[in-house]
Structures are given as C-alpha cells and as structure tokens.
N, C-alpha and C. Protein backbone atom coordinates (compact mmCIF):
# COMPACT_ATOMS: atom_id res chain seq x y z
N MET A 1 -11.11 -32.86 -1.55
CA MET A 1 -12.29 -32.11 -1.90
C MET A 1 -11.86 -30.78 -2.54
N VAL A 2 -12.43 -30.47 -3.68
CA VAL A 2 -12.10 -29.24 -4.40
C VAL A 2 -13.09 -28.15 -3.98
N MET A 3 -12.53 -26.98 -3.57
CA MET A 3 -13.37 -25.86 -3.20
C MET A 3 -13.53 -24.92 -4.38
N ASP A 4 -14.67 -24.26 -4.46
CA ASP A 4 -14.81 -23.26 -5.49
C ASP A 4 -14.09 -21.99 -5.03
N ALA A 5 -13.85 -21.07 -5.96
CA ALA A 5 -13.08 -19.86 -5.68
C ALA A 5 -13.74 -19.01 -4.60
N ARG A 6 -15.06 -18.89 -4.61
CA ARG A 6 -15.74 -18.07 -3.60
C ARG A 6 -15.52 -18.62 -2.19
N THR A 7 -15.56 -19.94 -2.07
CA THR A 7 -15.34 -20.55 -0.76
C THR A 7 -13.91 -20.30 -0.30
N GLU A 8 -12.96 -20.43 -1.21
CA GLU A 8 -11.56 -20.17 -0.86
C GLU A 8 -11.35 -18.73 -0.44
N ILE A 9 -11.97 -17.80 -1.16
CA ILE A 9 -11.85 -16.39 -0.80
C ILE A 9 -12.48 -16.15 0.57
N ALA A 10 -13.65 -16.72 0.81
CA ALA A 10 -14.30 -16.56 2.11
C ALA A 10 -13.42 -17.08 3.24
N GLU A 11 -12.79 -18.23 3.03
CA GLU A 11 -11.89 -18.79 4.05
C GLU A 11 -10.68 -17.90 4.25
N ALA A 12 -10.11 -17.38 3.15
CA ALA A 12 -8.94 -16.50 3.27
C ALA A 12 -9.30 -15.23 4.03
N LEU A 13 -10.47 -14.66 3.76
CA LEU A 13 -10.91 -13.47 4.48
C LEU A 13 -11.10 -13.77 5.96
N ALA A 14 -11.68 -14.92 6.26
CA ALA A 14 -11.89 -15.31 7.66
C ALA A 14 -10.55 -15.51 8.36
N GLU A 15 -9.59 -16.16 7.69
CA GLU A 15 -8.26 -16.38 8.28
C GLU A 15 -7.56 -15.06 8.57
N ALA A 16 -7.80 -14.04 7.72
CA ALA A 16 -7.19 -12.73 7.91
C ALA A 16 -8.01 -11.85 8.85
N ASP A 17 -9.12 -12.40 9.37
CA ASP A 17 -10.01 -11.67 10.27
C ASP A 17 -10.54 -10.39 9.62
N ILE A 18 -10.94 -10.53 8.35
CA ILE A 18 -11.54 -9.42 7.61
C ILE A 18 -13.00 -9.80 7.37
N PRO A 19 -13.91 -9.20 8.14
CA PRO A 19 -15.33 -9.53 7.99
C PRO A 19 -15.92 -8.83 6.77
N MET A 20 -15.82 -9.48 5.63
CA MET A 20 -16.26 -8.88 4.38
C MET A 20 -16.93 -9.91 3.50
N ASP A 21 -17.98 -9.48 2.83
CA ASP A 21 -18.67 -10.30 1.86
C ASP A 21 -17.73 -10.61 0.69
N VAL A 22 -17.77 -11.82 0.19
CA VAL A 22 -16.90 -12.22 -0.92
C VAL A 22 -17.14 -11.35 -2.15
N GLY A 23 -18.39 -11.05 -2.44
CA GLY A 23 -18.70 -10.19 -3.59
C GLY A 23 -18.05 -8.83 -3.47
N ARG A 24 -18.07 -8.26 -2.27
CA ARG A 24 -17.42 -6.95 -2.03
C ARG A 24 -15.92 -7.07 -2.23
N PHE A 25 -15.33 -8.15 -1.74
CA PHE A 25 -13.89 -8.33 -1.90
C PHE A 25 -13.52 -8.46 -3.38
N ILE A 26 -14.34 -9.16 -4.14
CA ILE A 26 -14.06 -9.30 -5.57
C ILE A 26 -14.11 -7.94 -6.25
N LYS A 27 -15.05 -7.08 -5.84
CA LYS A 27 -15.09 -5.71 -6.38
C LYS A 27 -13.81 -4.95 -6.04
N LEU A 28 -13.34 -5.11 -4.81
CA LEU A 28 -12.09 -4.46 -4.41
C LEU A 28 -10.91 -5.00 -5.21
N LEU A 29 -10.93 -6.29 -5.47
CA LEU A 29 -9.86 -6.89 -6.27
C LEU A 29 -9.86 -6.29 -7.67
N ARG A 30 -11.04 -6.07 -8.23
CA ARG A 30 -11.12 -5.44 -9.55
C ARG A 30 -10.54 -4.03 -9.52
N VAL A 31 -10.85 -3.28 -8.46
CA VAL A 31 -10.28 -1.94 -8.31
C VAL A 31 -8.75 -2.04 -8.24
N ALA A 32 -8.27 -3.00 -7.46
CA ALA A 32 -6.83 -3.19 -7.31
C ALA A 32 -6.18 -3.56 -8.63
N LEU A 33 -6.82 -4.40 -9.40
CA LEU A 33 -6.27 -4.78 -10.70
C LEU A 33 -6.21 -3.57 -11.64
N ARG A 34 -7.20 -2.70 -11.54
CA ARG A 34 -7.16 -1.48 -12.37
C ARG A 34 -6.00 -0.58 -11.96
N THR A 35 -5.67 -0.56 -10.66
CA THR A 35 -4.56 0.29 -10.23
C THR A 35 -3.23 -0.23 -10.75
N VAL A 36 -3.13 -1.54 -10.92
CA VAL A 36 -1.90 -2.11 -11.47
C VAL A 36 -1.80 -1.79 -12.95
N GLY A 37 -2.94 -1.73 -13.62
CA GLY A 37 -2.97 -1.34 -15.03
C GLY A 37 -2.52 -2.44 -15.96
N ARG A 38 -2.54 -2.10 -17.20
CA ARG A 38 -2.08 -3.03 -18.23
C ARG A 38 -0.56 -2.99 -18.29
N ARG A 39 0.01 -4.03 -18.83
CA ARG A 39 1.48 -4.06 -18.88
C ARG A 39 2.00 -3.03 -19.87
N HIS A 40 3.09 -2.42 -19.46
CA HIS A 40 3.70 -1.37 -20.27
C HIS A 40 5.18 -1.66 -20.52
N VAL A 41 5.49 -2.90 -20.78
CA VAL A 41 6.88 -3.25 -21.07
C VAL A 41 6.95 -3.84 -22.46
N ALA A 42 8.09 -3.69 -23.04
CA ALA A 42 8.30 -4.27 -24.37
C ALA A 42 8.30 -5.79 -24.26
N ALA A 43 7.81 -6.45 -25.29
CA ALA A 43 7.80 -7.92 -25.29
C ALA A 43 9.21 -8.45 -25.16
N ASP A 44 10.18 -7.77 -25.71
CA ASP A 44 11.59 -8.14 -25.59
C ASP A 44 12.31 -6.99 -24.91
N PRO A 45 12.70 -7.15 -23.63
CA PRO A 45 13.34 -6.04 -22.91
C PRO A 45 14.63 -5.56 -23.55
N THR A 46 15.28 -6.40 -24.31
CA THR A 46 16.53 -5.96 -24.95
C THR A 46 16.26 -5.08 -26.16
N SER A 47 15.02 -5.01 -26.62
CA SER A 47 14.72 -4.21 -27.81
C SER A 47 14.93 -2.72 -27.57
N GLN A 48 14.99 -2.30 -26.33
CA GLN A 48 15.17 -0.89 -26.01
C GLN A 48 16.61 -0.58 -25.61
N LEU A 49 17.49 -1.57 -25.75
CA LEU A 49 18.90 -1.40 -25.39
C LEU A 49 19.77 -1.53 -26.62
N THR A 50 20.94 -0.92 -26.52
CA THR A 50 21.91 -1.09 -27.61
C THR A 50 22.57 -2.46 -27.46
N THR A 51 23.19 -2.92 -28.52
CA THR A 51 23.91 -4.20 -28.48
C THR A 51 24.98 -4.15 -27.41
N SER A 52 25.66 -3.01 -27.29
CA SER A 52 26.69 -2.83 -26.28
C SER A 52 26.12 -2.96 -24.87
N ASP A 53 24.94 -2.35 -24.64
CA ASP A 53 24.31 -2.43 -23.32
C ASP A 53 23.97 -3.87 -22.97
N VAL A 54 23.43 -4.62 -23.94
CA VAL A 54 23.07 -6.02 -23.71
C VAL A 54 24.32 -6.83 -23.38
N GLU A 55 25.41 -6.59 -24.12
CA GLU A 55 26.67 -7.30 -23.86
C GLU A 55 27.19 -6.99 -22.47
N GLN A 56 27.08 -5.72 -22.03
CA GLN A 56 27.55 -5.34 -20.69
C GLN A 56 26.70 -6.02 -19.60
N LEU A 57 25.40 -6.09 -19.82
CA LEU A 57 24.54 -6.78 -18.86
C LEU A 57 24.92 -8.25 -18.75
N ARG A 58 25.13 -8.88 -19.89
CA ARG A 58 25.51 -10.30 -19.88
C ARG A 58 26.88 -10.51 -19.24
N ALA A 59 27.80 -9.59 -19.49
CA ALA A 59 29.13 -9.68 -18.88
C ALA A 59 29.03 -9.55 -17.36
N GLY A 60 28.05 -8.81 -16.89
CA GLY A 60 27.85 -8.64 -15.46
C GLY A 60 27.04 -9.76 -14.83
N GLY A 61 26.65 -10.76 -15.62
CA GLY A 61 25.93 -11.91 -15.09
C GLY A 61 24.43 -11.84 -15.26
N LEU A 62 23.91 -10.76 -15.83
CA LEU A 62 22.46 -10.66 -16.04
C LEU A 62 22.09 -11.27 -17.37
N ARG A 63 20.96 -11.88 -17.42
CA ARG A 63 20.49 -12.52 -18.64
C ARG A 63 19.16 -11.90 -19.05
N PRO A 64 19.19 -10.82 -19.86
CA PRO A 64 17.93 -10.23 -20.32
C PRO A 64 17.09 -11.28 -21.03
N SER A 65 15.81 -11.28 -20.73
CA SER A 65 14.94 -12.30 -21.27
C SER A 65 13.60 -11.70 -21.64
N ALA A 66 12.97 -12.26 -22.66
CA ALA A 66 11.63 -11.84 -23.05
C ALA A 66 10.57 -12.55 -22.21
N ASP A 67 10.98 -13.44 -21.31
CA ASP A 67 10.04 -14.15 -20.45
C ASP A 67 9.51 -13.16 -19.41
N LEU A 68 8.23 -12.87 -19.46
CA LEU A 68 7.63 -11.87 -18.57
C LEU A 68 6.94 -12.49 -17.36
N ALA A 69 7.19 -13.76 -17.09
CA ALA A 69 6.51 -14.43 -15.98
C ALA A 69 6.76 -13.71 -14.65
N ALA A 70 7.99 -13.32 -14.38
CA ALA A 70 8.30 -12.63 -13.12
C ALA A 70 7.57 -11.29 -13.05
N TYR A 71 7.54 -10.58 -14.16
CA TYR A 71 6.84 -9.29 -14.22
C TYR A 71 5.35 -9.49 -13.90
N HIS A 72 4.73 -10.50 -14.48
CA HIS A 72 3.32 -10.75 -14.23
C HIS A 72 3.08 -11.17 -12.77
N GLN A 73 4.02 -11.90 -12.19
CA GLN A 73 3.89 -12.27 -10.79
C GLN A 73 3.92 -11.05 -9.89
N VAL A 74 4.80 -10.10 -10.19
CA VAL A 74 4.89 -8.86 -9.40
C VAL A 74 3.59 -8.08 -9.53
N ARG A 75 3.05 -7.98 -10.74
CA ARG A 75 1.79 -7.26 -10.93
C ARG A 75 0.66 -7.94 -10.16
N ALA A 76 0.61 -9.26 -10.19
CA ALA A 76 -0.43 -9.99 -9.47
C ALA A 76 -0.28 -9.80 -7.96
N ARG A 77 0.95 -9.86 -7.47
CA ARG A 77 1.20 -9.68 -6.04
C ARG A 77 0.81 -8.26 -5.61
N THR A 78 1.13 -7.27 -6.44
CA THR A 78 0.78 -5.89 -6.13
C THR A 78 -0.74 -5.72 -6.08
N ALA A 79 -1.44 -6.32 -7.03
CA ALA A 79 -2.91 -6.25 -7.03
C ALA A 79 -3.48 -6.92 -5.79
N ALA A 80 -2.93 -8.06 -5.39
CA ALA A 80 -3.42 -8.76 -4.20
C ALA A 80 -3.17 -7.93 -2.94
N GLN A 81 -2.00 -7.31 -2.85
CA GLN A 81 -1.70 -6.46 -1.69
C GLN A 81 -2.63 -5.25 -1.65
N THR A 82 -2.89 -4.66 -2.81
CA THR A 82 -3.80 -3.52 -2.87
C THR A 82 -5.20 -3.93 -2.44
N ALA A 83 -5.67 -5.08 -2.92
CA ALA A 83 -7.00 -5.56 -2.52
C ALA A 83 -7.06 -5.81 -1.02
N ALA A 84 -6.00 -6.37 -0.46
CA ALA A 84 -5.97 -6.61 0.99
C ALA A 84 -6.00 -5.29 1.77
N LEU A 85 -5.27 -4.29 1.30
CA LEU A 85 -5.29 -2.98 1.96
C LEU A 85 -6.69 -2.37 1.90
N LEU A 86 -7.32 -2.46 0.74
CA LEU A 86 -8.67 -1.93 0.60
C LEU A 86 -9.66 -2.69 1.48
N ALA A 87 -9.49 -4.00 1.55
CA ALA A 87 -10.41 -4.82 2.35
C ALA A 87 -10.31 -4.50 3.83
N SER A 88 -9.13 -4.13 4.29
CA SER A 88 -8.96 -3.81 5.71
C SER A 88 -9.09 -2.32 6.00
N SER A 89 -9.41 -1.54 4.97
CA SER A 89 -9.58 -0.10 5.16
C SER A 89 -10.95 0.19 5.78
N MET A 90 -11.14 1.45 6.16
CA MET A 90 -12.38 1.84 6.83
C MET A 90 -13.09 2.95 6.07
N SER A 91 -14.39 2.99 6.23
CA SER A 91 -15.20 4.06 5.66
C SER A 91 -15.09 5.29 6.55
N VAL A 92 -15.59 6.41 6.05
CA VAL A 92 -15.61 7.65 6.84
C VAL A 92 -16.37 7.41 8.15
N GLY A 93 -17.51 6.73 8.07
CA GLY A 93 -18.31 6.46 9.27
C GLY A 93 -17.57 5.59 10.27
N GLN A 94 -16.86 4.59 9.78
CA GLN A 94 -16.10 3.71 10.69
C GLN A 94 -14.97 4.47 11.37
N VAL A 95 -14.30 5.34 10.61
CA VAL A 95 -13.22 6.14 11.20
C VAL A 95 -13.79 7.08 12.26
N ALA A 96 -14.91 7.72 11.94
CA ALA A 96 -15.54 8.64 12.90
C ALA A 96 -15.88 7.92 14.19
N GLU A 97 -16.44 6.72 14.07
CA GLU A 97 -16.78 5.94 15.25
C GLU A 97 -15.53 5.57 16.04
N ARG A 98 -14.50 5.14 15.33
CA ARG A 98 -13.26 4.73 16.00
C ARG A 98 -12.60 5.88 16.74
N LEU A 99 -12.66 7.08 16.15
CA LEU A 99 -12.03 8.24 16.77
C LEU A 99 -12.96 8.99 17.72
N GLY A 100 -14.25 8.65 17.70
CA GLY A 100 -15.20 9.33 18.56
C GLY A 100 -15.47 10.76 18.11
N VAL A 101 -15.49 10.96 16.78
CA VAL A 101 -15.76 12.28 16.22
C VAL A 101 -16.90 12.18 15.22
N ASP A 102 -17.35 13.33 14.76
CA ASP A 102 -18.41 13.38 13.76
C ASP A 102 -17.81 13.06 12.38
N PRO A 103 -18.57 12.40 11.50
CA PRO A 103 -18.06 12.12 10.15
C PRO A 103 -17.59 13.37 9.40
N SER A 104 -18.20 14.54 9.70
CA SER A 104 -17.75 15.77 9.03
C SER A 104 -16.31 16.11 9.41
N ARG A 105 -15.90 15.76 10.63
CA ARG A 105 -14.51 16.00 11.04
C ARG A 105 -13.56 15.09 10.25
N VAL A 106 -13.98 13.87 10.00
CA VAL A 106 -13.16 12.93 9.22
C VAL A 106 -13.03 13.46 7.79
N ARG A 107 -14.12 13.93 7.20
CA ARG A 107 -14.06 14.49 5.85
C ARG A 107 -13.14 15.71 5.80
N GLN A 108 -13.16 16.51 6.86
CA GLN A 108 -12.26 17.66 6.94
C GLN A 108 -10.80 17.19 6.98
N MET A 109 -10.53 16.16 7.74
CA MET A 109 -9.17 15.61 7.81
C MET A 109 -8.74 15.09 6.45
N LEU A 110 -9.67 14.47 5.72
CA LEU A 110 -9.36 13.98 4.38
C LEU A 110 -9.04 15.15 3.45
N ALA A 111 -9.81 16.22 3.55
CA ALA A 111 -9.57 17.40 2.72
C ALA A 111 -8.22 18.03 3.03
N GLU A 112 -7.80 17.93 4.27
CA GLU A 112 -6.50 18.48 4.71
C GLU A 112 -5.35 17.52 4.42
N ARG A 113 -5.66 16.35 3.87
CA ARG A 113 -4.68 15.29 3.62
C ARG A 113 -4.00 14.83 4.91
N ALA A 114 -4.75 14.84 6.01
CA ALA A 114 -4.22 14.42 7.30
C ALA A 114 -4.46 12.94 7.56
N LEU A 115 -5.08 12.26 6.61
CA LEU A 115 -5.29 10.81 6.71
C LEU A 115 -4.83 10.16 5.41
N LEU A 116 -4.30 8.97 5.52
CA LEU A 116 -3.92 8.20 4.34
C LEU A 116 -5.16 7.47 3.86
N ALA A 117 -5.63 7.84 2.68
CA ALA A 117 -6.88 7.29 2.17
C ALA A 117 -6.87 7.31 0.66
N VAL A 118 -7.80 6.56 0.10
CA VAL A 118 -7.96 6.49 -1.34
C VAL A 118 -9.45 6.47 -1.63
N LYS A 119 -9.83 7.06 -2.75
CA LYS A 119 -11.23 7.00 -3.14
C LYS A 119 -11.46 5.74 -3.95
N GLU A 120 -12.49 4.99 -3.55
CA GLU A 120 -12.83 3.74 -4.24
C GLU A 120 -14.32 3.76 -4.46
N GLY A 121 -14.73 3.74 -5.70
CA GLY A 121 -16.15 3.76 -6.01
C GLY A 121 -16.84 5.02 -5.52
N GLY A 122 -16.13 6.14 -5.53
CA GLY A 122 -16.70 7.41 -5.09
C GLY A 122 -16.72 7.61 -3.59
N GLU A 123 -16.22 6.63 -2.83
CA GLU A 123 -16.19 6.73 -1.38
C GLU A 123 -14.75 6.65 -0.88
N TRP A 124 -14.48 7.37 0.19
CA TRP A 124 -13.16 7.32 0.80
C TRP A 124 -12.98 6.00 1.54
N ARG A 125 -11.79 5.42 1.40
CA ARG A 125 -11.38 4.27 2.17
C ARG A 125 -10.10 4.67 2.89
N VAL A 126 -10.12 4.64 4.21
CA VAL A 126 -9.02 5.11 5.05
C VAL A 126 -8.20 3.91 5.51
N LEU A 127 -6.89 3.98 5.28
CA LEU A 127 -6.02 2.85 5.65
C LEU A 127 -5.98 2.66 7.16
N ASP A 128 -6.18 1.43 7.60
CA ASP A 128 -6.22 1.16 9.02
C ASP A 128 -4.84 1.13 9.67
N LEU A 129 -3.78 1.02 8.88
CA LEU A 129 -2.44 0.91 9.45
C LEU A 129 -1.99 2.16 10.17
N GLN A 130 -2.72 3.27 10.02
CA GLN A 130 -2.34 4.52 10.67
C GLN A 130 -3.04 4.73 12.02
N PHE A 131 -3.71 3.67 12.50
CA PHE A 131 -4.42 3.75 13.77
C PHE A 131 -3.78 2.86 14.82
N GLY A 132 -3.77 3.37 16.04
CA GLY A 132 -3.40 2.56 17.20
C GLY A 132 -4.67 1.94 17.73
N ASP A 133 -4.79 1.83 19.04
CA ASP A 133 -5.98 1.21 19.63
C ASP A 133 -7.26 1.93 19.19
N ARG A 134 -7.46 3.13 19.65
CA ARG A 134 -8.67 3.87 19.25
C ARG A 134 -8.31 5.25 18.73
N ARG A 135 -7.04 5.46 18.44
CA ARG A 135 -6.63 6.78 17.99
C ARG A 135 -5.63 6.65 16.85
N LEU A 136 -5.37 7.79 16.24
CA LEU A 136 -4.38 7.82 15.17
C LEU A 136 -2.98 7.70 15.74
N VAL A 137 -2.08 7.13 14.96
CA VAL A 137 -0.67 7.11 15.33
C VAL A 137 -0.23 8.57 15.46
N PRO A 138 0.48 8.94 16.51
CA PRO A 138 0.89 10.33 16.69
C PRO A 138 1.61 10.88 15.46
N ASN A 139 1.22 12.07 15.05
CA ASN A 139 1.83 12.83 13.95
C ASN A 139 1.68 12.20 12.57
N ILE A 140 0.78 11.24 12.41
CA ILE A 140 0.59 10.63 11.10
C ILE A 140 0.05 11.64 10.10
N GLY A 141 -0.69 12.63 10.57
CA GLY A 141 -1.22 13.66 9.68
C GLY A 141 -0.13 14.44 8.98
N ALA A 142 0.91 14.82 9.72
CA ALA A 142 2.04 15.54 9.12
C ALA A 142 2.75 14.68 8.09
N VAL A 143 2.87 13.40 8.37
CA VAL A 143 3.52 12.48 7.43
C VAL A 143 2.64 12.30 6.19
N ALA A 144 1.34 12.12 6.40
CA ALA A 144 0.42 11.94 5.27
C ALA A 144 0.48 13.14 4.32
N ARG A 145 0.53 14.34 4.88
CA ARG A 145 0.60 15.55 4.03
C ARG A 145 1.92 15.62 3.26
N ALA A 146 2.98 15.06 3.82
CA ALA A 146 4.30 15.13 3.17
C ALA A 146 4.45 14.12 2.04
N ILE A 147 3.67 13.06 2.06
CA ILE A 147 3.77 12.03 1.02
C ILE A 147 3.26 12.60 -0.29
N PRO A 148 4.06 12.56 -1.35
CA PRO A 148 3.61 13.09 -2.64
C PRO A 148 2.31 12.42 -3.09
N GLN A 149 1.40 13.21 -3.62
CA GLN A 149 0.14 12.67 -4.10
C GLN A 149 0.38 11.78 -5.31
N GLY A 150 -0.48 10.79 -5.46
CA GLY A 150 -0.43 9.93 -6.63
C GLY A 150 0.44 8.70 -6.50
N LEU A 151 1.10 8.53 -5.35
CA LEU A 151 1.92 7.32 -5.18
C LEU A 151 1.02 6.11 -5.01
N PRO A 152 1.45 4.96 -5.49
CA PRO A 152 0.63 3.74 -5.33
C PRO A 152 0.41 3.41 -3.85
N LEU A 153 -0.80 3.01 -3.55
CA LEU A 153 -1.20 2.67 -2.19
C LEU A 153 -0.28 1.64 -1.56
N VAL A 154 0.06 0.62 -2.31
CA VAL A 154 0.91 -0.44 -1.77
C VAL A 154 2.30 0.09 -1.43
N GLY A 155 2.82 0.95 -2.29
CA GLY A 155 4.14 1.52 -2.03
C GLY A 155 4.17 2.33 -0.75
N VAL A 156 3.15 3.14 -0.53
CA VAL A 156 3.06 3.95 0.69
C VAL A 156 2.95 3.04 1.91
N ALA A 157 2.06 2.05 1.84
CA ALA A 157 1.88 1.13 2.97
C ALA A 157 3.15 0.36 3.26
N ASN A 158 3.82 -0.12 2.22
CA ASN A 158 5.07 -0.86 2.43
C ASN A 158 6.13 0.01 3.07
N TRP A 159 6.24 1.26 2.60
CA TRP A 159 7.24 2.17 3.18
C TRP A 159 6.94 2.43 4.65
N LEU A 160 5.68 2.65 4.98
CA LEU A 160 5.31 2.96 6.36
C LEU A 160 5.56 1.80 7.32
N THR A 161 5.52 0.58 6.81
CA THR A 161 5.60 -0.58 7.70
C THR A 161 6.92 -1.35 7.63
N ALA A 162 7.81 -0.93 6.73
CA ALA A 162 9.10 -1.62 6.60
C ALA A 162 10.18 -0.89 7.41
N PRO A 163 11.13 -1.62 7.97
CA PRO A 163 12.22 -0.96 8.69
C PRO A 163 12.93 0.05 7.78
N GLU A 164 13.18 1.22 8.33
CA GLU A 164 13.81 2.32 7.59
C GLU A 164 15.21 2.53 8.19
N PRO A 165 16.28 2.38 7.41
CA PRO A 165 17.64 2.51 7.95
C PRO A 165 17.92 3.84 8.65
N ASP A 166 17.20 4.90 8.26
CA ASP A 166 17.43 6.21 8.87
C ASP A 166 16.68 6.41 10.19
N LEU A 167 15.88 5.43 10.60
CA LEU A 167 15.13 5.52 11.85
C LEU A 167 15.54 4.35 12.73
N GLU A 168 16.32 4.64 13.75
CA GLU A 168 16.81 3.57 14.62
C GLU A 168 16.38 3.78 16.05
N VAL A 169 16.05 2.67 16.71
CA VAL A 169 15.78 2.65 18.13
C VAL A 169 16.72 1.61 18.72
N ALA A 170 17.57 2.02 19.62
CA ALA A 170 18.55 1.14 20.25
C ALA A 170 19.40 0.42 19.19
N GLY A 171 19.75 1.15 18.12
CA GLY A 171 20.61 0.61 17.08
C GLY A 171 19.92 -0.29 16.07
N THR A 172 18.62 -0.44 16.18
CA THR A 172 17.87 -1.30 15.26
C THR A 172 16.92 -0.45 14.41
N PRO A 173 16.98 -0.60 13.08
CA PRO A 173 16.05 0.15 12.24
C PRO A 173 14.60 -0.25 12.52
N VAL A 174 13.73 0.77 12.56
CA VAL A 174 12.30 0.53 12.78
C VAL A 174 11.51 1.18 11.64
N SER A 175 10.28 0.77 11.49
CA SER A 175 9.43 1.34 10.45
C SER A 175 8.97 2.74 10.85
N PRO A 176 8.60 3.56 9.88
CA PRO A 176 8.07 4.89 10.21
C PRO A 176 6.87 4.81 11.17
N ILE A 177 5.97 3.84 10.97
CA ILE A 177 4.81 3.70 11.87
C ILE A 177 5.27 3.38 13.28
N ASP A 178 6.22 2.46 13.42
CA ASP A 178 6.72 2.11 14.76
C ASP A 178 7.44 3.29 15.40
N TRP A 179 8.19 4.04 14.60
CA TRP A 179 8.89 5.23 15.09
C TRP A 179 7.89 6.23 15.68
N LEU A 180 6.86 6.53 14.91
CA LEU A 180 5.85 7.48 15.36
C LEU A 180 5.06 6.94 16.55
N SER A 181 4.70 5.66 16.50
CA SER A 181 3.94 5.04 17.59
C SER A 181 4.70 5.07 18.90
N GLY A 182 6.04 4.98 18.81
CA GLY A 182 6.88 5.01 20.00
C GLY A 182 7.20 6.41 20.48
N GLY A 183 6.61 7.42 19.84
CA GLY A 183 6.83 8.80 20.28
C GLY A 183 8.05 9.46 19.66
N GLY A 184 8.60 8.87 18.59
CA GLY A 184 9.76 9.46 17.94
C GLY A 184 9.44 10.80 17.28
N ASP A 185 10.47 11.61 17.12
CA ASP A 185 10.35 12.92 16.47
C ASP A 185 9.80 12.72 15.07
N PRO A 186 8.70 13.40 14.73
CA PRO A 186 8.12 13.21 13.40
C PRO A 186 8.95 13.84 12.28
N GLY A 187 9.84 14.76 12.60
CA GLY A 187 10.63 15.47 11.58
C GLY A 187 11.34 14.56 10.59
N PRO A 188 12.11 13.59 11.06
CA PRO A 188 12.80 12.71 10.12
C PRO A 188 11.84 11.91 9.24
N VAL A 189 10.70 11.50 9.77
CA VAL A 189 9.73 10.72 8.99
C VAL A 189 9.09 11.62 7.93
N VAL A 190 8.78 12.85 8.30
CA VAL A 190 8.22 13.81 7.34
C VAL A 190 9.22 14.07 6.22
N ASP A 191 10.49 14.23 6.58
CA ASP A 191 11.53 14.44 5.56
C ASP A 191 11.63 13.24 4.61
N LEU A 192 11.64 12.04 5.17
CA LEU A 192 11.72 10.84 4.35
C LEU A 192 10.47 10.72 3.45
N ALA A 193 9.32 11.02 4.00
CA ALA A 193 8.07 10.92 3.24
C ALA A 193 8.07 11.87 2.06
N SER A 194 8.60 13.05 2.23
CA SER A 194 8.60 14.04 1.14
C SER A 194 9.53 13.62 0.00
N GLU A 195 10.45 12.69 0.28
CA GLU A 195 11.40 12.25 -0.75
C GLU A 195 10.94 10.98 -1.47
N LEU A 196 9.77 10.47 -1.12
CA LEU A 196 9.29 9.24 -1.77
C LEU A 196 9.01 9.49 -3.25
C-alpha cells in the first residue's frame, strides 16, 4: 500500500512523539530549507584550484568531482534536522508553563540571551534540549550567552549534544549538556562555546 506524503509525515511525527499538525510541520520544513539556503558552490570544485593543487589532492588519494550529490544530501539532512529541532521547540507560553514563570520573564530571558532560541515567523521558538524535567539545565544561560550569535541552529544543537573531548567524566568524553546536567563546572563549557 502506497502512503501519501502527509500520511508519512504524520506517522513520522507520531513515532518521534511530536504532537504537531502536518501542515505546521511543513511550514517549519520550509523555514528550515530557507536556513540552508541556495547552493553556493562552483559546479566544478576544481575550477577554484590551481592545476598543482588538483594534482596534490589526487596524489593524496582525493578525487575532486563535479558530482554534487553528497553536497545536496548534506543540505537536505541539515534542513531535516533543523525542521526536527523547530518541531520539538517550545513557544514562550510553553516555556513559561514548564518553568512556572510568567511569559514576560521568558521574554526577558530571551532578551538577555539566556535561552537558546530562534525566531520563526515572528515568534520565538525555544530549543527543548536545554531543559531537564521541569527546569533549565544548570548554567545553560551562561553558555547560551557565550555562543556567538548567528550560528546555525543545527550546529549549536549538535555541539551541545555530542561528546566533547575536553569534557570528561571518569575518563569518558561527555556532551556539554550532560556535563552541565551532571553539575560540572560551567567555565570550560562557556570557554568552548565562545570559540564556536
């Protein structure tokens, strides 16, 4: 049986436990696709290199190619990850409810850059990955302020959730979020964030 795209999207959202209307998700996907932008690479990557550079790449085992399939796959994957982050993000009202504060306090936190958020359609969307059970991950505000403005949402989320070699617990690298959640000193995470 062949499913239409809307049904597949609805099933994917349900599997991810994201209670969202398919139409809303498609709008978020469009926003995500705009963040990826149009391609900005030369049709032939070797056109920007000297003959000597191309020969050195080939001698090293690399095969420069005009085939952009891998590039397009990365762009599509980035757009999908961005859409998923937006779909699982929260509105100002949802954050206020989760934290047990007034929405004006959440807007103040956004103005102070104490929350990781992005404006989508004129409204703030706050990333849920910075929350524990009913509260913010300890010291996430200091880290959020240290992250340079304008970085892609997916890049920030990936950095926060991937093991970081400079943050170890019992000899094992942990992610910045896990480090902070476990009560680790925020200083090293703030330093790393400022270097992104």
